[in-house]
Amino acid sequence: MTYSLIELDSAEKCARVSDLLKISRLCKSNTEAKTLIADKGCKLNDVLVEKDREVTTDDFLHGKYVVLKKGKKSYFIFKFN
């Protein structure tokens, strides 16, 4: 199981799911991230991501966390300041 915590500034709150996949290094490129999303291999807070979209404050857990999963074993926790 792979996981990590990444802290991001509030300016990045409107990042897209594909951007977060690239920032976390779960995907090497935007194309790879979009392919992963299209193949239904990505979850945001345990909810399947069906299309690339912006991450909003409504997605935050406890007002500042987002959990991004790739497959079953790799996930990243983002903390927004």
PDB file of N, CA and C in Angstrom:
ATOM      1  N   MET A   1       0.841  -1.170   0.000  1.00  0.00           N
ATOM      2  CA  MET A   1       0.000   0.000   0.000  1.00  0.00           C
ATOM      3  C   MET A   1       0.887   1.234   0.000  1.00  0.00           C
ATOM      4  N   THR A   2       0.643   2.161  -0.911  1.00  0.00           N
ATOM      5  CA  THR A   2       1.418   3.374  -1.028  1.00  0.00           C
ATOM      6  C   THR A   2       0.549   4.565  -0.666  1.00  0.00           C
ATOM      7  N   TYR A   3       1.044   5.419   0.214  1.00  0.00           N
ATOM      8  CA  TYR A   3       0.302   6.628   0.539  1.00  0.00           C
ATOM      9  C   TYR A   3       1.266   7.727   0.924  1.00  0.00           C
ATOM     10  N   SER A   4       0.780   8.956   0.846  1.00  0.00           N
ATOM     11  CA  SER A   4       1.598  10.097   1.212  1.00  0.00           C
ATOM     12  C   SER A   4       0.685  11.276   1.498  1.00  0.00           C
ATOM     13  N   LEU A   5       1.200  12.267   2.206  1.00  0.00           N
ATOM     14  CA  LEU A   5       0.468  13.487   2.521  1.00  0.00           C
ATOM     15  C   LEU A   5       1.153  14.639   1.816  1.00  0.00           C
ATOM     16  N   ILE A   6       0.380  15.389   1.038  1.00  0.00           N
ATOM     17  CA  ILE A   6       0.911  16.544   0.330  1.00  0.00           C
ATOM     18  C   ILE A   6       0.094  17.756   0.756  1.00  0.00           C
ATOM     19  N   GLU A   7       0.780  18.838   1.148  1.00  0.00           N
ATOM     20  CA  GLU A   7       0.092  20.068   1.524  1.00  0.00           C
ATOM     21  C   GLU A   7       0.106  21.027   0.343  1.00  0.00           C
ATOM     22  N   LEU A   8      -1.066  21.594   0.042  1.00  0.00           N
ATOM     23  CA  LEU A   8      -1.193  22.537  -1.063  1.00  0.00           C
ATOM     24  C   LEU A   8      -1.741  23.855  -0.557  1.00  0.00           C
ATOM     25  N   ASP A   9      -1.377  24.939  -1.236  1.00  0.00           N
ATOM     26  CA  ASP A   9      -1.892  26.253  -0.878  1.00  0.00           C
ATOM     27  C   ASP A   9      -3.355  26.375  -1.292  1.00  0.00           C
ATOM     28  N   SER A  10      -4.045  27.311  -0.688  1.00  0.00           N
ATOM     29  CA  SER A  10      -5.456  27.511  -0.988  1.00  0.00           C
ATOM     30  C   SER A  10      -5.660  27.944  -2.433  1.00  0.00           C
ATOM     31  N   ALA A  11      -4.633  28.517  -3.069  1.00  0.00           N
ATOM     32  CA  ALA A  11      -4.743  28.927  -4.471  1.00  0.00           C
ATOM     33  C   ALA A  11      -4.957  27.731  -5.389  1.00  0.00           C
ATOM     34  N   GLU A  12      -4.568  26.547  -4.916  1.00  0.00           N
ATOM     35  CA  GLU A  12      -4.702  25.352  -5.738  1.00  0.00           C
ATOM     36  C   GLU A  12      -5.992  24.592  -5.451  1.00  0.00           C
ATOM     37  N   LYS A  13      -6.924  25.205  -4.719  1.00  0.00           N
ATOM     38  CA  LYS A  13      -8.174  24.532  -4.380  1.00  0.00           C
ATOM     39  C   LYS A  13      -9.026  24.221  -5.601  1.00  0.00           C
ATOM     40  N   CYS A  14      -8.812  24.967  -6.676  1.00  0.00           N
ATOM     41  CA  CYS A  14      -9.617  24.717  -7.867  1.00  0.00           C
ATOM     42  C   CYS A  14      -8.865  23.836  -8.866  1.00  0.00           C
ATOM     43  N   ALA A  15      -8.000  22.991  -8.358  1.00  0.00           N
ATOM     44  CA  ALA A  15      -7.254  22.063  -9.207  1.00  0.00           C
ATOM     45  C   ALA A  15      -8.188  20.980  -9.743  1.00  0.00           C
ATOM     46  N   ARG A  16      -7.875  20.464 -10.894  1.00  0.00           N
ATOM     47  CA  ARG A  16      -8.657  19.379 -11.491  1.00  0.00           C
ATOM     48  C   ARG A  16      -8.128  18.050 -10.955  1.00  0.00           C
ATOM     49  N   VAL A  17      -8.941  17.024 -11.046  1.00  0.00           N
ATOM     50  CA  VAL A  17      -8.544  15.691 -10.585  1.00  0.00           C
ATOM     51  C   VAL A  17      -7.297  15.240 -11.336  1.00  0.00           C
ATOM     52  N   SER A  18      -7.245  15.482 -12.640  1.00  0.00           N
ATOM     53  CA  SER A  18      -6.066  15.080 -13.428  1.00  0.00           C
ATOM     54  C   SER A  18      -4.810  15.814 -12.952  1.00  0.00           C
ATOM     55  N   ASP A  19      -4.946  17.075 -12.529  1.00  0.00           N
ATOM     56  CA  ASP A  19      -3.802  17.816 -12.004  1.00  0.00           C
ATOM     57  C   ASP A  19      -3.301  17.196 -10.700  1.00  0.00           C
ATOM     58  N   LEU A  20      -4.227  16.809  -9.833  1.00  0.00           N
ATOM     59  CA  LEU A  20      -3.839  16.184  -8.566  1.00  0.00           C
ATOM     60  C   LEU A  20      -3.161  14.838  -8.793  1.00  0.00           C
ATOM     61  N   LEU A  21      -3.622  14.086  -9.786  1.00  0.00           N
ATOM     62  CA  LEU A  21      -2.976  12.815 -10.122  1.00  0.00           C
ATOM     63  C   LEU A  21      -1.530  13.053 -10.562  1.00  0.00           C
ATOM     64  N   LYS A  22      -1.312  14.116 -11.300  1.00  0.00           N
ATOM     65  CA  LYS A  22       0.033  14.434 -11.774  1.00  0.00           C
ATOM     66  C   LYS A  22       0.898  14.969 -10.630  1.00  0.00           C
ATOM     67  N   ILE A  23       0.349  15.849  -9.786  1.00  0.00           N
ATOM     68  CA  ILE A  23       1.090  16.403  -8.644  1.00  0.00           C
ATOM     69  C   ILE A  23       1.539  15.286  -7.700  1.00  0.00           C
ATOM     70  N   SER A  24       0.652  14.314  -7.493  1.00  0.00           N
ATOM     71  CA  SER A  24       0.952  13.215  -6.573  1.00  0.00           C
ATOM     72  C   SER A  24       1.883  12.171  -7.176  1.00  0.00           C
ATOM     73  N   ARG A  25       2.147  12.298  -8.451  1.00  0.00           N
ATOM     74  CA  ARG A  25       2.967  11.356  -9.213  1.00  0.00           C
ATOM     75  C   ARG A  25       2.335   9.978  -9.330  1.00  0.00           C
ATOM     76  N   LEU A  26       1.027   9.916  -9.147  1.00  0.00           N
ATOM     77  CA  LEU A  26       0.316   8.669  -9.440  1.00  0.00           C
ATOM     78  C   LEU A  26       0.260   8.461 -10.948  1.00  0.00           C
ATOM     79  N   CYS A  27       0.312   9.554 -11.698  1.00  0.00           N
ATOM     80  CA  CYS A  27       0.369   9.514 -13.160  1.00  0.00           C
ATOM     81  C   CYS A  27       1.492  10.432 -13.626  1.00  0.00           C
ATOM     82  N   LYS A  28       2.142  10.047 -14.718  1.00  0.00           N
ATOM     83  CA  LYS A  28       3.275  10.819 -15.214  1.00  0.00           C
ATOM     84  C   LYS A  28       2.866  12.003 -16.078  1.00  0.00           C
ATOM     85  N   SER A  29       1.662  11.942 -16.666  1.00  0.00           N
ATOM     86  CA  SER A  29       1.232  13.009 -17.561  1.00  0.00           C
ATOM     87  C   SER A  29      -0.272  13.213 -17.451  1.00  0.00           C
ATOM     88  N   ASN A  30      -0.736  14.321 -18.014  1.00  0.00           N
ATOM     89  CA  ASN A  30      -2.173  14.579 -18.032  1.00  0.00           C
ATOM     90  C   ASN A  30      -2.906  13.547 -18.881  1.00  0.00           C
ATOM     91  N   THR A  31      -2.276  13.113 -19.955  1.00  0.00           N
ATOM     92  CA  THR A  31      -2.886  12.098 -20.814  1.00  0.00           C
ATOM     93  C   THR A  31      -3.073  10.796 -20.054  1.00  0.00           C
ATOM     94  N   GLU A  32      -2.070  10.391 -19.308  1.00  0.00           N
ATOM     95  CA  GLU A  32      -2.172   9.170 -18.507  1.00  0.00           C
ATOM     96  C   GLU A  32      -3.262   9.320 -17.435  1.00  0.00           C
ATOM     97  N   ALA A  33      -3.345  10.503 -16.835  1.00  0.00           N
ATOM     98  CA  ALA A  33      -4.368  10.758 -15.812  1.00  0.00           C
ATOM     99  C   ALA A  33      -5.768  10.687 -16.413  1.00  0.00           C
ATOM    100  N   LYS A  34      -5.953  11.296 -17.559  1.00  0.00           N
ATOM    101  CA  LYS A  34      -7.274  11.276 -18.207  1.00  0.00           C
ATOM    102  C   LYS A  34      -7.656   9.873 -18.663  1.00  0.00           C
ATOM    103  N   THR A  35      -6.669   9.087 -19.086  1.00  0.00           N
ATOM    104  CA  THR A  35      -6.929   7.693 -19.450  1.00  0.00           C
ATOM    105  C   THR A  35      -7.335   6.890 -18.222  1.00  0.00           C
ATOM    106  N   LEU A  36      -6.670   7.109 -17.111  1.00  0.00           N
ATOM    107  CA  LEU A  36      -7.011   6.428 -15.862  1.00  0.00           C
ATOM    108  C   LEU A  36      -8.439   6.757 -15.441  1.00  0.00           C
ATOM    109  N   ILE A  37      -8.813   8.021 -15.539  1.00  0.00           N
ATOM    110  CA  ILE A  37     -10.170   8.444 -15.184  1.00  0.00           C
ATOM    111  C   ILE A  37     -11.190   7.807 -16.122  1.00  0.00           C
ATOM    112  N   ALA A  38     -10.891   7.799 -17.416  1.00  0.00           N
ATOM    113  CA  ALA A  38     -11.805   7.203 -18.397  1.00  0.00           C
ATOM    114  C   ALA A  38     -11.969   5.696 -18.182  1.00  0.00           C
ATOM    115  N   ASP A  39     -10.912   5.042 -17.704  1.00  0.00           N
ATOM    116  CA  ASP A  39     -10.951   3.596 -17.448  1.00  0.00           C
ATOM    117  C   ASP A  39     -11.502   3.267 -16.063  1.00  0.00           C
ATOM    118  N   LYS A  40     -11.990   4.290 -15.351  1.00  0.00           N
ATOM    119  CA  LYS A  40     -12.599   4.149 -14.027  1.00  0.00           C
ATOM    120  C   LYS A  40     -11.636   3.528 -13.010  1.00  0.00           C
ATOM    121  N   GLY A  41     -10.402   4.027 -13.030  1.00  0.00           N
ATOM    122  CA  GLY A  41      -9.395   3.524 -12.101  1.00  0.00           C
ATOM    123  C   GLY A  41      -9.017   4.524 -11.020  1.00  0.00           C
ATOM    124  N   CYS A  42      -9.846   5.559 -10.846  1.00  0.00           N
ATOM    125  CA  CYS A  42      -9.522   6.627  -9.907  1.00  0.00           C
ATOM    126  C   CYS A  42     -10.728   6.932  -9.016  1.00  0.00           C
ATOM    127  N   LYS A  43     -10.448   7.133  -7.719  1.00  0.00           N
ATOM    128  CA  LYS A  43     -11.503   7.510  -6.771  1.00  0.00           C
ATOM    129  C   LYS A  43     -11.072   8.751  -6.007  1.00  0.00           C
ATOM    130  N   LEU A  44     -12.038   9.618  -5.749  1.00  0.00           N
ATOM    131  CA  LEU A  44     -11.826  10.812  -4.948  1.00  0.00           C
ATOM    132  C   LEU A  44     -12.694  10.665  -3.710  1.00  0.00           C
ATOM    133  N   ASN A  45     -12.065  10.526  -2.552  1.00  0.00           N
ATOM    134  CA  ASN A  45     -12.774  10.285  -1.290  1.00  0.00           C
ATOM    135  C   ASN A  45     -13.696   9.061  -1.388  1.00  0.00           C
ATOM    136  N   ASP A  46     -13.197   8.001  -1.971  1.00  0.00           N
ATOM    137  CA  ASP A  46     -13.912   6.735  -2.147  1.00  0.00           C
ATOM    138  C   ASP A  46     -15.118   6.808  -3.072  1.00  0.00           C
ATOM    139  N   VAL A  47     -15.196   7.848  -3.893  1.00  0.00           N
ATOM    140  CA  VAL A  47     -16.253   7.986  -4.896  1.00  0.00           C
ATOM    141  C   VAL A  47     -15.583   7.929  -6.264  1.00  0.00           C
ATOM    142  N   LEU A  48     -16.076   7.059  -7.123  1.00  0.00           N
ATOM    143  CA  LEU A  48     -15.505   6.881  -8.451  1.00  0.00           C
ATOM    144  C   LEU A  48     -15.551   8.189  -9.231  1.00  0.00           C
ATOM    145  N   VAL A  49     -14.425   8.557  -9.836  1.00  0.00           N
ATOM    146  CA  VAL A  49     -14.355   9.743 -10.681  1.00  0.00           C
ATOM    147  C   VAL A  49     -14.684   9.298 -12.098  1.00  0.00           C
ATOM    148  N   GLU A  50     -15.814   9.761 -12.623  1.00  0.00           N
ATOM    149  CA  GLU A  50     -16.248   9.326 -13.948  1.00  0.00           C
ATOM    150  C   GLU A  50     -15.763  10.235 -15.066  1.00  0.00           C
ATOM    151  N   LYS A  51     -15.443  11.510 -14.732  1.00  0.00           N
ATOM    152  CA  LYS A  51     -14.864  12.417 -15.713  1.00  0.00           C
ATOM    153  C   LYS A  51     -13.994  13.432 -14.974  1.00  0.00           C
ATOM    154  N   ASP A  52     -13.029  13.983 -15.690  1.00  0.00           N
ATOM    155  CA  ASP A  52     -12.130  14.961 -15.096  1.00  0.00           C
ATOM    156  C   ASP A  52     -12.935  16.198 -14.709  1.00  0.00           C
ATOM    157  N   ARG A  53     -12.728  16.659 -13.494  1.00  0.00           N
ATOM    158  CA  ARG A  53     -13.483  17.814 -13.003  1.00  0.00           C
ATOM    159  C   ARG A  53     -12.660  18.552 -11.973  1.00  0.00           C
ATOM    160  N   GLU A  54     -13.121  19.737 -11.616  1.00  0.00           N
ATOM    161  CA  GLU A  54     -12.442  20.510 -10.592  1.00  0.00           C
ATOM    162  C   GLU A  54     -12.775  19.971  -9.209  1.00  0.00           C
ATOM    163  N   VAL A  55     -11.812  20.031  -8.331  1.00  0.00           N
ATOM    164  CA  VAL A  55     -12.025  19.656  -6.937  1.00  0.00           C
ATOM    165  C   VAL A  55     -12.453  20.928  -6.210  1.00  0.00           C
ATOM    166  N   THR A  56     -13.612  20.894  -5.572  1.00  0.00           N
ATOM    167  CA  THR A  56     -14.134  22.070  -4.885  1.00  0.00           C
ATOM    168  C   THR A  56     -14.096  21.854  -3.376  1.00  0.00           C
ATOM    169  N   THR A  57     -14.415  22.896  -2.632  1.00  0.00           N
ATOM    170  CA  THR A  57     -14.431  22.789  -1.172  1.00  0.00           C
ATOM    171  C   THR A  57     -15.500  21.807  -0.705  1.00  0.00           C
ATOM    172  N   ASP A  58     -16.499  21.528  -1.532  1.00  0.00           N
ATOM    173  CA  ASP A  58     -17.519  20.534  -1.181  1.00  0.00           C
ATOM    174  C   ASP A  58     -16.932  19.126  -1.120  1.00  0.00           C
ATOM    175  N   ASP A  59     -15.816  18.912  -1.796  1.00  0.00           N
ATOM    176  CA  ASP A  59     -15.163  17.603  -1.812  1.00  0.00           C
ATOM    177  C   ASP A  59     -14.279  17.368  -0.590  1.00  0.00           C
ATOM    178  N   PHE A  60     -13.975  18.418   0.156  1.00  0.00           N
ATOM    179  CA  PHE A  60     -13.030  18.303   1.264  1.00  0.00           C
ATOM    180  C   PHE A  60     -13.604  17.496   2.420  1.00  0.00           C
ATOM    181  N   LEU A  61     -12.758  16.669   3.013  1.00  0.00           N
ATOM    182  CA  LEU A  61     -13.099  15.957   4.236  1.00  0.00           C
ATOM    183  C   LEU A  61     -12.590  16.796   5.401  1.00  0.00           C
ATOM    184  N   HIS A  62     -13.405  17.032   6.380  1.00  0.00           N
ATOM    185  CA  HIS A  62     -13.051  17.844   7.554  1.00  0.00           C
ATOM    186  C   HIS A  62     -12.556  19.236   7.159  1.00  0.00           C
ATOM    187  N   GLY A  63     -13.055  19.737   6.036  1.00  0.00           N
ATOM    188  CA  GLY A  63     -12.739  21.091   5.611  1.00  0.00           C
ATOM    189  C   GLY A  63     -11.396  21.311   4.970  1.00  0.00           C
ATOM    190  N   LYS A  64     -10.535  20.273   4.885  1.00  0.00           N
ATOM    191  CA  LYS A  64      -9.211  20.513   4.303  1.00  0.00           C
ATOM    192  C   LYS A  64      -8.523  19.310   3.664  1.00  0.00           C
ATOM    193  N   TYR A  65      -9.097  18.125   3.727  1.00  0.00           N
ATOM    194  CA  TYR A  65      -8.437  16.938   3.183  1.00  0.00           C
ATOM    195  C   TYR A  65      -9.159  16.383   1.965  1.00  0.00           C
ATOM    196  N   VAL A  66      -8.386  15.819   1.038  1.00  0.00           N
ATOM    197  CA  VAL A  66      -8.916  15.095  -0.115  1.00  0.00           C
ATOM    198  C   VAL A  66      -8.093  13.823  -0.254  1.00  0.00           C
ATOM    199  N   VAL A  67      -8.754  12.685  -0.383  1.00  0.00           N
ATOM    200  CA  VAL A  67      -8.070  11.405  -0.576  1.00  0.00           C
ATOM    201  C   VAL A  67      -8.257  10.990  -2.032  1.00  0.00           C
ATOM    202  N   LEU A  68      -7.158  10.779  -2.721  1.00  0.00           N
ATOM    203  CA  LEU A  68      -7.176  10.398  -4.130  1.00  0.00           C
ATOM    204  C   LEU A  68      -6.585   9.006  -4.250  1.00  0.00           C
ATOM    205  N   LYS A  69      -7.350   8.084  -4.841  1.00  0.00           N
ATOM    206  CA  LYS A  69      -6.884   6.701  -4.978  1.00  0.00           C
ATOM    207  C   LYS A  69      -6.702   6.322  -6.439  1.00  0.00           C
ATOM    208  N   LYS A  70      -5.647   5.547  -6.678  1.00  0.00           N
ATOM    209  CA  LYS A  70      -5.401   4.965  -7.997  1.00  0.00           C
ATOM    210  C   LYS A  70      -5.405   3.458  -7.804  1.00  0.00           C
ATOM    211  N   GLY A  71      -6.371   2.801  -8.391  1.00  0.00           N
ATOM    212  CA  GLY A  71      -6.482   1.361  -8.208  1.00  0.00           C
ATOM    213  C   GLY A  71      -6.850   1.018  -6.778  1.00  0.00           C
ATOM    214  N   LYS A  72      -6.360  -0.116  -6.297  1.00  0.00           N
ATOM    215  CA  LYS A  72      -6.720  -0.580  -4.958  1.00  0.00           C
ATOM    216  C   LYS A  72      -5.687  -0.237  -3.889  1.00  0.00           C
ATOM    217  N   LYS A  73      -4.428  -0.064  -4.287  1.00  0.00           N
ATOM    218  CA  LYS A  73      -3.373   0.010  -3.285  1.00  0.00           C
ATOM    219  C   LYS A  73      -2.652   1.351  -3.183  1.00  0.00           C
ATOM    220  N   SER A  74      -2.789   2.221  -4.155  1.00  0.00           N
ATOM    221  CA  SER A  74      -2.058   3.486  -4.133  1.00  0.00           C
ATOM    222  C   SER A  74      -3.002   4.639  -3.867  1.00  0.00           C
ATOM    223  N   TYR A  75      -2.682   5.442  -2.848  1.00  0.00           N
ATOM    224  CA  TYR A  75      -3.502   6.613  -2.595  1.00  0.00           C
ATOM    225  C   TYR A  75      -2.672   7.734  -2.009  1.00  0.00           C
ATOM    226  N   PHE A  76      -3.181   8.955  -2.191  1.00  0.00           N
ATOM    227  CA  PHE A  76      -2.528  10.144  -1.674  1.00  0.00           C
ATOM    228  C   PHE A  76      -3.539  10.960  -0.894  1.00  0.00           C
ATOM    229  N   ILE A  77      -3.074  11.580   0.164  1.00  0.00           N
ATOM    230  CA  ILE A  77      -3.904  12.474   0.960  1.00  0.00           C
ATOM    231  C   ILE A  77      -3.379  13.885   0.721  1.00  0.00           C
ATOM    232  N   PHE A  78      -4.260  14.749   0.249  1.00  0.00           N
ATOM    233  CA  PHE A  78      -3.925  16.148   0.032  1.00  0.00           C
ATOM    234  C   PHE A  78      -4.478  16.958   1.178  1.00  0.00           C
ATOM    235  N   LYS A  79      -3.670  17.841   1.730  1.00  0.00           N
ATOM    236  CA  LYS A  79      -4.127  18.750   2.782  1.00  0.00           C
ATOM    237  C   LYS A  79      -4.077  20.160   2.221  1.00  0.00           C
ATOM    238  N   PHE A  80      -5.225  20.812   2.157  1.00  0.00           N
ATOM    239  CA  PHE A  80      -5.306  22.175   1.654  1.00  0.00           C
ATOM    240  C   PHE A  80      -5.245  23.152   2.821  1.00  0.00           C
ATOM    241  N   ASN A  81      -4.371  24.132   2.729  1.00  0.00           N
ATOM    242  CA  ASN A  81      -4.221  25.137   3.793  1.00  0.00           C
ATOM    243  C   ASN A  81      -5.182  26.285   3.576  1.00  0.00           C
TER     244      ASN A  81
END
